[in-house]
Amino acid sequence: MTRIAKLAMQITWSVSIVGICTFIGGTYGWTHHAWIGAAALGTVGFCVGAAIAACPLAFIEILGPGL
């Protein structure tokens, strides 16, 4: 049961982080550079989100020592 819960949490983390980063990149690109910027920055957001999703502990470390 714990393996299933861990897998479900990893999938949820990965999908949500990649989706959030892609959305932020696309929205920023759309508001400042039209559809070309939305496509480009959405792709960048997807890559950054995939990198963050691959190593959540590094992401928490980047946030700072305050956590």
PDB file of N, CA and C in Angstrom:
ATOM      1  N   MET A   1       0.812  -1.199   0.000  1.00  0.00           N
ATOM      2  CA  MET A   1       0.000   0.000   0.000  1.00  0.00           C
ATOM      3  C   MET A   1       0.855   1.262   0.000  1.00  0.00           C
ATOM      4  N   THR A   2       1.956   1.251   0.715  1.00  0.00           N
ATOM      5  CA  THR A   2       2.785   2.454   0.759  1.00  0.00           C
ATOM      6  C   THR A   2       3.460   2.718  -0.582  1.00  0.00           C
ATOM      7  N   ARG A   3       3.779   1.661  -1.324  1.00  0.00           N
ATOM      8  CA  ARG A   3       4.376   1.861  -2.650  1.00  0.00           C
ATOM      9  C   ARG A   3       3.394   2.547  -3.583  1.00  0.00           C
ATOM     10  N   ILE A   4       2.131   2.158  -3.483  1.00  0.00           N
ATOM     11  CA  ILE A   4       1.098   2.760  -4.330  1.00  0.00           C
ATOM     12  C   ILE A   4       0.890   4.219  -3.949  1.00  0.00           C
ATOM     13  N   ALA A   5       0.877   4.515  -2.671  1.00  0.00           N
ATOM     14  CA  ALA A   5       0.707   5.898  -2.218  1.00  0.00           C
ATOM     15  C   ALA A   5       1.893   6.751  -2.645  1.00  0.00           C
ATOM     16  N   LYS A   6       3.104   6.200  -2.526  1.00  0.00           N
ATOM     17  CA  LYS A   6       4.290   6.945  -2.934  1.00  0.00           C
ATOM     18  C   LYS A   6       4.271   7.216  -4.440  1.00  0.00           C
ATOM     19  N   LEU A   7       3.900   6.218  -5.224  1.00  0.00           N
ATOM     20  CA  LEU A   7       3.817   6.390  -6.671  1.00  0.00           C
ATOM     21  C   LEU A   7       2.760   7.422  -7.040  1.00  0.00           C
ATOM     22  N   ALA A   8       1.622   7.376  -6.366  1.00  0.00           N
ATOM     23  CA  ALA A   8       0.558   8.347  -6.632  1.00  0.00           C
ATOM     24  C   ALA A   8       1.006   9.762  -6.296  1.00  0.00           C
ATOM     25  N   MET A   9       1.739   9.928  -5.202  1.00  0.00           N
ATOM     26  CA  MET A   9       2.231  11.261  -4.845  1.00  0.00           C
ATOM     27  C   MET A   9       3.282  11.755  -5.834  1.00  0.00           C
ATOM     28  N   GLN A  10       4.145  10.867  -6.316  1.00  0.00           N
ATOM     29  CA  GLN A  10       5.152  11.258  -7.296  1.00  0.00           C
ATOM     30  C   GLN A  10       4.498  11.677  -8.602  1.00  0.00           C
ATOM     31  N   ILE A  11       3.500  10.943  -9.035  1.00  0.00           N
ATOM     32  CA  ILE A  11       2.801  11.287 -10.274  1.00  0.00           C
ATOM     33  C   ILE A  11       2.080  12.617 -10.117  1.00  0.00           C
ATOM     34  N   THR A  12       1.408  12.806  -8.985  1.00  0.00           N
ATOM     35  CA  THR A  12       0.699  14.063  -8.725  1.00  0.00           C
ATOM     36  C   THR A  12       1.667  15.241  -8.697  1.00  0.00           C
ATOM     37  N   TRP A  13       2.799  15.082  -8.014  1.00  0.00           N
ATOM     38  CA  TRP A  13       3.821  16.127  -7.949  1.00  0.00           C
ATOM     39  C   TRP A  13       4.324  16.470  -9.347  1.00  0.00           C
ATOM     40  N   SER A  14       4.677  15.471 -10.126  1.00  0.00           N
ATOM     41  CA  SER A  14       5.244  15.700 -11.452  1.00  0.00           C
ATOM     42  C   SER A  14       4.253  16.400 -12.376  1.00  0.00           C
ATOM     43  N   VAL A  15       3.045  15.897 -12.423  1.00  0.00           N
ATOM     44  CA  VAL A  15       2.045  16.486 -13.317  1.00  0.00           C
ATOM     45  C   VAL A  15       1.716  17.916 -12.904  1.00  0.00           C
ATOM     46  N   SER A  16       1.568  18.153 -11.606  1.00  0.00           N
ATOM     47  CA  SER A  16       1.201  19.500 -11.165  1.00  0.00           C
ATOM     48  C   SER A  16       2.332  20.501 -11.381  1.00  0.00           C
ATOM     49  N   ILE A  17       3.565  20.126 -11.084  1.00  0.00           N
ATOM     50  CA  ILE A  17       4.682  21.062 -11.260  1.00  0.00           C
ATOM     51  C   ILE A  17       4.915  21.368 -12.733  1.00  0.00           C
ATOM     52  N   VAL A  18       4.901  20.353 -13.569  1.00  0.00           N
ATOM     53  CA  VAL A  18       5.103  20.581 -15.004  1.00  0.00           C
ATOM     54  C   VAL A  18       3.968  21.437 -15.556  1.00  0.00           C
ATOM     55  N   GLY A  19       2.743  21.159 -15.139  1.00  0.00           N
ATOM     56  CA  GLY A  19       1.605  21.956 -15.600  1.00  0.00           C
ATOM     57  C   GLY A  19       1.672  23.403 -15.143  1.00  0.00           C
ATOM     58  N   ILE A  20       2.034  23.619 -13.887  1.00  0.00           N
ATOM     59  CA  ILE A  20       2.125  24.982 -13.355  1.00  0.00           C
ATOM     60  C   ILE A  20       3.227  25.769 -14.075  1.00  0.00           C
ATOM     61  N   CYS A  21       4.395  25.153 -14.249  1.00  0.00           N
ATOM     62  CA  CYS A  21       5.494  25.860 -14.913  1.00  0.00           C
ATOM     63  C   CYS A  21       5.180  26.157 -16.371  1.00  0.00           C
ATOM     64  N   THR A  22       4.533  25.215 -17.052  1.00  0.00           N
ATOM     65  CA  THR A  22       4.138  25.451 -18.443  1.00  0.00           C
ATOM     66  C   THR A  22       3.106  26.568 -18.524  1.00  0.00           C
ATOM     67  N   PHE A  23       2.151  26.565 -17.614  1.00  0.00           N
ATOM     68  CA  PHE A  23       1.130  27.610 -17.590  1.00  0.00           C
ATOM     69  C   PHE A  23       1.734  28.983 -17.325  1.00  0.00           C
ATOM     70  N   ILE A  24       2.629  29.063 -16.355  1.00  0.00           N
ATOM     71  CA  ILE A  24       3.259  30.346 -16.038  1.00  0.00           C
ATOM     72  C   ILE A  24       4.080  30.848 -17.226  1.00  0.00           C
ATOM     73  N   GLY A  25       4.861  29.957 -17.827  1.00  0.00           N
ATOM     74  CA  GLY A  25       5.658  30.359 -18.992  1.00  0.00           C
ATOM     75  C   GLY A  25       4.796  30.792 -20.155  1.00  0.00           C
ATOM     76  N   GLY A  26       3.745  30.044 -20.431  1.00  0.00           N
ATOM     77  CA  GLY A  26       2.852  30.405 -21.528  1.00  0.00           C
ATOM     78  C   GLY A  26       2.109  31.702 -21.293  1.00  0.00           C
ATOM     79  N   THR A  27       1.654  31.907 -20.067  1.00  0.00           N
ATOM     80  CA  THR A  27       0.938  33.141 -19.733  1.00  0.00           C
ATOM     81  C   THR A  27       1.855  34.353 -19.821  1.00  0.00           C
ATOM     82  N   TYR A  28       3.046  34.217 -19.278  1.00  0.00           N
ATOM     83  CA  TYR A  28       3.991  35.331 -19.349  1.00  0.00           C
ATOM     84  C   TYR A  28       4.352  35.627 -20.806  1.00  0.00           C
ATOM     85  N   GLY A  29       4.603  34.577 -21.575  1.00  0.00           N
ATOM     86  CA  GLY A  29       4.927  34.768 -22.983  1.00  0.00           C
ATOM     87  C   GLY A  29       3.790  35.401 -23.757  1.00  0.00           C
ATOM     88  N   TRP A  30       2.552  35.006 -23.453  1.00  0.00           N
ATOM     89  CA  TRP A  30       1.404  35.556 -24.161  1.00  0.00           C
ATOM     90  C   TRP A  30       1.215  37.037 -23.841  1.00  0.00           C
ATOM     91  N   THR A  31       1.393  37.419 -22.573  1.00  0.00           N
ATOM     92  CA  THR A  31       1.143  38.811 -22.206  1.00  0.00           C
ATOM     93  C   THR A  31       2.242  39.751 -22.689  1.00  0.00           C
ATOM     94  N   HIS A  32       3.454  39.255 -22.884  1.00  0.00           N
ATOM     95  CA  HIS A  32       4.549  40.140 -23.254  1.00  0.00           C
ATOM     96  C   HIS A  32       5.045  39.970 -24.686  1.00  0.00           C
ATOM     97  N   HIS A  33       4.780  38.819 -25.314  1.00  0.00           N
ATOM     98  CA  HIS A  33       5.358  38.578 -26.639  1.00  0.00           C
ATOM     99  C   HIS A  33       4.399  37.931 -27.623  1.00  0.00           C
ATOM    100  N   ALA A  34       3.121  37.910 -27.355  1.00  0.00           N
ATOM    101  CA  ALA A  34       2.091  37.316 -28.216  1.00  0.00           C
ATOM    102  C   ALA A  34       2.255  35.806 -28.313  1.00  0.00           C
ATOM    103  N   TRP A  35       1.735  35.224 -29.380  1.00  0.00           N
ATOM    104  CA  TRP A  35       1.677  33.759 -29.441  1.00  0.00           C
ATOM    105  C   TRP A  35       3.034  33.108 -29.623  1.00  0.00           C
ATOM    106  N   ILE A  36       3.982  33.766 -30.267  1.00  0.00           N
ATOM    107  CA  ILE A  36       5.322  33.182 -30.416  1.00  0.00           C
ATOM    108  C   ILE A  36       5.999  33.092 -29.050  1.00  0.00           C
ATOM    109  N   GLY A  37       5.869  34.124 -28.251  1.00  0.00           N
ATOM    110  CA  GLY A  37       6.423  34.108 -26.910  1.00  0.00           C
ATOM    111  C   GLY A  37       5.732  33.089 -26.024  1.00  0.00           C
ATOM    112  N   ALA A  38       4.421  32.918 -26.220  1.00  0.00           N
ATOM    113  CA  ALA A  38       3.698  31.920 -25.436  1.00  0.00           C
ATOM    114  C   ALA A  38       4.202  30.520 -25.749  1.00  0.00           C
ATOM    115  N   ALA A  39       4.430  30.241 -27.017  1.00  0.00           N
ATOM    116  CA  ALA A  39       4.938  28.922 -27.396  1.00  0.00           C
ATOM    117  C   ALA A  39       6.357  28.704 -26.885  1.00  0.00           C
ATOM    118  N   ALA A  40       7.195  29.724 -27.040  1.00  0.00           N
ATOM    119  CA  ALA A  40       8.599  29.592 -26.624  1.00  0.00           C
ATOM    120  C   ALA A  40       8.723  29.488 -25.103  1.00  0.00           C
ATOM    121  N   LEU A  41       8.081  30.387 -24.387  1.00  0.00           N
ATOM    122  CA  LEU A  41       8.201  30.372 -22.933  1.00  0.00           C
ATOM    123  C   LEU A  41       7.401  29.240 -22.303  1.00  0.00           C
ATOM    124  N   GLY A  42       6.355  28.778 -22.977  1.00  0.00           N
ATOM    125  CA  GLY A  42       5.665  27.583 -22.510  1.00  0.00           C
ATOM    126  C   GLY A  42       6.565  26.359 -22.604  1.00  0.00           C
ATOM    127  N   THR A  43       7.351  26.289 -23.674  1.00  0.00           N
ATOM    128  CA  THR A  43       8.315  25.193 -23.822  1.00  0.00           C
ATOM    129  C   THR A  43       9.398  25.285 -22.763  1.00  0.00           C
ATOM    130  N   VAL A  44       9.889  26.485 -22.513  1.00  0.00           N
ATOM    131  CA  VAL A  44      10.891  26.675 -21.469  1.00  0.00           C
ATOM    132  C   VAL A  44      10.306  26.286 -20.106  1.00  0.00           C
ATOM    133  N   GLY A  45       9.078  26.691 -19.847  1.00  0.00           N
ATOM    134  CA  GLY A  45       8.419  26.332 -18.599  1.00  0.00           C
ATOM    135  C   GLY A  45       8.256  24.827 -18.455  1.00  0.00           C
ATOM    136  N   PHE A  46       7.954  24.156 -19.559  1.00  0.00           N
ATOM    137  CA  PHE A  46       7.832  22.701 -19.525  1.00  0.00           C
ATOM    138  C   PHE A  46       9.163  22.053 -19.157  1.00  0.00           C
ATOM    139  N   CYS A  47      10.248  22.527 -19.755  1.00  0.00           N
ATOM    140  CA  CYS A  47      11.577  21.965 -19.454  1.00  0.00           C
ATOM    141  C   CYS A  47      11.988  22.228 -18.011  1.00  0.00           C
ATOM    142  N   VAL A  48      11.751  23.433 -17.541  1.00  0.00           N
ATOM    143  CA  VAL A  48      12.087  23.764 -16.156  1.00  0.00           C
ATOM    144  C   VAL A  48      11.218  22.947 -15.193  1.00  0.00           C
ATOM    145  N   GLY A  49       9.948  22.800 -15.510  1.00  0.00           N
ATOM    146  CA  GLY A  49       9.064  21.996 -14.681  1.00  0.00           C
ATOM    147  C   GLY A  49       9.481  20.540 -14.627  1.00  0.00           C
ATOM    148  N   ALA A  50       9.940  20.011 -15.759  1.00  0.00           N
ATOM    149  CA  ALA A  50      10.411  18.620 -15.780  1.00  0.00           C
ATOM    150  C   ALA A  50      11.664  18.469 -14.918  1.00  0.00           C
ATOM    151  N   ALA A  51      12.540  19.458 -14.961  1.00  0.00           N
ATOM    152  CA  ALA A  51      13.750  19.397 -14.136  1.00  0.00           C
ATOM    153  C   ALA A  51      13.401  19.481 -12.646  1.00  0.00           C
ATOM    154  N   ILE A  52      12.468  20.337 -12.303  1.00  0.00           N
ATOM    155  CA  ILE A  52      12.048  20.461 -10.903  1.00  0.00           C
ATOM    156  C   ILE A  52      11.334  19.187 -10.446  1.00  0.00           C
ATOM    157  N   ALA A  53      10.509  18.630 -11.306  1.00  0.00           N
ATOM    158  CA  ALA A  53       9.771  17.420 -10.944  1.00  0.00           C
ATOM    159  C   ALA A  53      10.699  16.223 -10.762  1.00  0.00           C
ATOM    160  N   ALA A  54      11.830  16.228 -11.454  1.00  0.00           N
ATOM    161  CA  ALA A  54      12.755  15.107 -11.355  1.00  0.00           C
ATOM    162  C   ALA A  54      13.448  15.066 -10.003  1.00  0.00           C
ATOM    163  N   CYS A  55      13.654  16.222  -9.378  1.00  0.00           N
ATOM    164  CA  CYS A  55      14.369  16.251  -8.105  1.00  0.00           C
ATOM    165  C   CYS A  55      13.702  17.252  -7.152  1.00  0.00           C
ATOM    166  N   PRO A  56      12.660  16.834  -6.452  1.00  0.00           N
ATOM    167  CA  PRO A  56      11.947  17.763  -5.573  1.00  0.00           C
ATOM    168  C   PRO A  56      12.792  18.299  -4.421  1.00  0.00           C
ATOM    169  N   LEU A  57      13.747  17.539  -3.937  1.00  0.00           N
ATOM    170  CA  LEU A  57      14.578  18.028  -2.832  1.00  0.00           C
ATOM    171  C   LEU A  57      15.449  19.206  -3.260  1.00  0.00           C
ATOM    172  N   ALA A  58      15.938  19.186  -4.489  1.00  0.00           N
ATOM    173  CA  ALA A  58      16.711  20.321  -4.992  1.00  0.00           C
ATOM    174  C   ALA A  58      15.832  21.566  -5.077  1.00  0.00           C
ATOM    175  N   PHE A  59      14.579  21.393  -5.465  1.00  0.00           N
ATOM    176  CA  PHE A  59      13.643  22.518  -5.533  1.00  0.00           C
ATOM    177  C   PHE A  59      13.423  23.123  -4.145  1.00  0.00           C
ATOM    178  N   ILE A  60      13.273  22.269  -3.148  1.00  0.00           N
ATOM    179  CA  ILE A  60      13.073  22.758  -1.775  1.00  0.00           C
ATOM    180  C   ILE A  60      14.326  23.455  -1.274  1.00  0.00           C
ATOM    181  N   GLU A  61      15.507  22.941  -1.667  1.00  0.00           N
ATOM    182  CA  GLU A  61      16.758  23.589  -1.281  1.00  0.00           C
ATOM    183  C   GLU A  61      16.886  24.972  -1.907  1.00  0.00           C
ATOM    184  N   ILE A  62      16.447  25.126  -3.143  1.00  0.00           N
ATOM    185  CA  ILE A  62      16.537  26.400  -3.848  1.00  0.00           C
ATOM    186  C   ILE A  62      15.660  27.446  -3.174  1.00  0.00           C
ATOM    187  N   LEU A  63      14.535  27.019  -2.625  1.00  0.00           N
ATOM    188  CA  LEU A  63      13.617  27.967  -1.994  1.00  0.00           C
ATOM    189  C   LEU A  63      14.248  28.724  -0.839  1.00  0.00           C
ATOM    190  N   GLY A  64      15.228  28.127  -0.213  1.00  0.00           N
ATOM    191  CA  GLY A  64      15.947  28.836   0.827  1.00  0.00           C
ATOM    192  C   GLY A  64      15.929  28.142   2.162  1.00  0.00           C
ATOM    193  N   PRO A  65      16.767  28.636   3.033  1.00  0.00           N
ATOM    194  CA  PRO A  65      16.897  28.020   4.346  1.00  0.00           C
ATOM    195  C   PRO A  65      15.729  28.328   5.279  1.00  0.00           C
ATOM    196  N   GLY A  66      14.857  29.216   4.876  1.00  0.00           N
ATOM    197  CA  GLY A  66      13.739  29.595   5.734  1.00  0.00           C
ATOM    198  C   GLY A  66      12.703  28.514   5.896  1.00  0.00           C
ATOM    199  N   LEU A  67      12.724  27.500   5.051  1.00  0.00           N
ATOM    200  CA  LEU A  67      11.690  26.463   5.146  1.00  0.00           C
ATOM    201  C   LEU A  67      12.050  25.399   6.138  1.00  0.00           C
TER     202      LEU A  67
END
